[in-house]
Protein backbone atom coordinates (compact mmCIF):
# COMPACT_ATOMS: atom_id res chain seq x y z
CA MET A 1 -54.35 25.20 -7.89
CA ARG A 2 -51.28 27.34 -7.24
CA ILE A 3 -50.94 26.07 -3.62
CA LEU A 4 -51.05 22.36 -4.95
CA LEU A 5 -48.37 23.22 -7.47
CA LEU A 6 -46.25 24.85 -4.80
CA ILE A 7 -46.67 21.87 -2.47
CA LEU A 8 -45.73 19.38 -5.25
CA LEU A 9 -42.63 21.48 -6.12
CA SER A 10 -41.52 21.62 -2.53
CA LEU A 11 -41.95 17.86 -2.15
CA ILE A 12 -39.88 17.30 -5.32
CA ALA A 13 -37.20 19.57 -3.97
CA LEU A 14 -37.17 17.69 -0.62
CA VAL A 15 -36.81 14.41 -2.43
CA GLN A 16 -34.04 15.78 -4.50
CA TYR A 17 -32.21 17.20 -1.48
CA SER A 18 -32.32 13.83 0.27
CA LEU A 19 -31.19 12.14 -3.02
CA TRP A 20 -28.16 14.26 -3.52
CA LEU A 21 -27.22 15.62 -0.04
CA GLY A 22 -28.98 13.46 2.56
CA LYS A 23 -27.73 10.50 4.42
CA GLY A 24 -26.95 7.68 1.93
CA GLY A 25 -27.32 10.25 -0.88
CA TRP A 26 -25.50 10.28 -4.21
CA LEU A 27 -22.51 12.31 -3.10
CA GLN A 28 -21.95 10.13 -0.04
CA VAL A 29 -22.12 6.98 -2.10
CA ARG A 30 -19.61 8.34 -4.51
CA ASP A 31 -17.24 9.24 -1.72
CA MET A 32 -17.66 5.78 -0.19
CA ASP A 33 -16.86 4.15 -3.53
CA ARG A 34 -13.64 6.21 -3.73
CA GLN A 35 -12.75 5.10 -0.26
CA ILE A 36 -13.45 1.43 -1.06
CA ARG A 37 -11.26 1.56 -4.16
CA ALA A 38 -8.41 3.14 -2.24
CA GLN A 39 -8.65 0.57 0.43
CA GLN A 40 -8.80 -2.25 -2.08
CA GLN A 41 -5.58 -1.00 -3.62
CA ALA A 42 -3.86 -0.73 -0.26
CA ASN A 43 -5.01 -4.28 0.69
CA GLN A 44 -3.59 -5.59 -2.71
CA LYS A 45 -0.23 -4.03 -1.86
CA MET A 46 -0.26 -5.48 1.61
CA GLN A 47 -1.27 -8.91 0.24
CA GLU A 48 1.74 -8.80 -2.20
CA ARG A 49 4.12 -7.73 0.69
CA ASN A 50 2.69 -10.48 2.91
CA ALA A 51 3.26 -13.06 0.13
CA ALA A 52 6.83 -11.94 -0.26
CA ILE A 53 7.42 -12.17 3.52
CA ASP A 54 5.71 -15.50 3.58
CA ALA A 55 8.10 -16.82 0.86
CA ASP A 56 11.08 -15.56 2.83
CA VAL A 57 9.92 -17.34 5.96
CA LYS A 58 9.36 -20.61 4.12
CA ASP A 59 12.78 -20.29 2.44
CA LEU A 60 14.40 -19.73 5.87
CA LYS A 61 12.62 -22.56 7.39
CA GLN A 62 13.50 -25.14 4.68
CA GLY A 63 17.32 -24.74 4.31
CA TYR A 64 20.46 -23.21 5.43
CA ALA A 65 21.35 -21.57 2.05
CA ALA A 66 19.02 -18.65 2.75
CA ILE A 67 20.37 -18.17 6.26
CA GLU A 68 23.90 -18.30 4.99
CA GLU A 69 23.12 -15.76 2.24
CA ARG A 70 21.56 -13.37 4.64
CA ALA A 71 24.42 -13.76 7.17
CA ARG A 72 26.93 -12.98 4.37
CA SER A 73 25.10 -10.07 2.84
CA LYS A 74 23.53 -8.28 5.80
CA LEU A 75 25.91 -9.16 8.61
CA GLY A 76 29.15 -9.43 6.69
CA MET A 77 29.95 -12.86 7.99
CA VAL A 78 32.60 -15.17 6.45
CA LYS A 79 33.51 -18.86 6.98
CA ASP A 80 36.65 -19.85 8.88
CA ASP A 81 38.61 -20.91 5.78
CA GLU A 82 37.65 -17.81 3.66
CA ILE A 83 39.67 -14.62 3.23
CA PHE A 84 37.67 -11.43 3.31
CA PHE A 85 38.54 -8.59 0.92
CA GLN A 86 36.94 -5.20 1.27
CA VAL A 87 37.01 -2.90 -1.85
CA ILE A 88 36.72 0.72 -1.05
CA LYS A 89 35.45 2.95 -3.85
CA SER A 90 37.29 6.28 -4.02
CA SER A 91 35.20 9.46 -3.95
CA PRO A 92 35.52 12.14 -6.66
CA GLN A 93 37.28 14.40 -4.14
CA GLN A 94 40.06 11.87 -3.67
CA LYS A 95 40.54 11.45 -7.45
CA GLU A 96 41.34 15.17 -7.81
CA LYS A 97 44.25 15.06 -5.27
């Protein structure tokens, strides 16, 4: 009777081992769930970034206003009949002198 009890306990321990630590066990499933959630968050951020880039591309394709605005702000371009003024902010060291 003791041998039967010992065999049953060892089988239960074997099943529990595979449930918790084996391939496809509880710990591995929990880790995979964490990885999936992290990847979904990263995907959401990338979808938002892609949507913003897509909106910029559509805006640039549709009209010249966006192209002109980018040329002015990023490249510092001005039209022929405009006068360019550059305002230089003084640093705290220059104010002391």
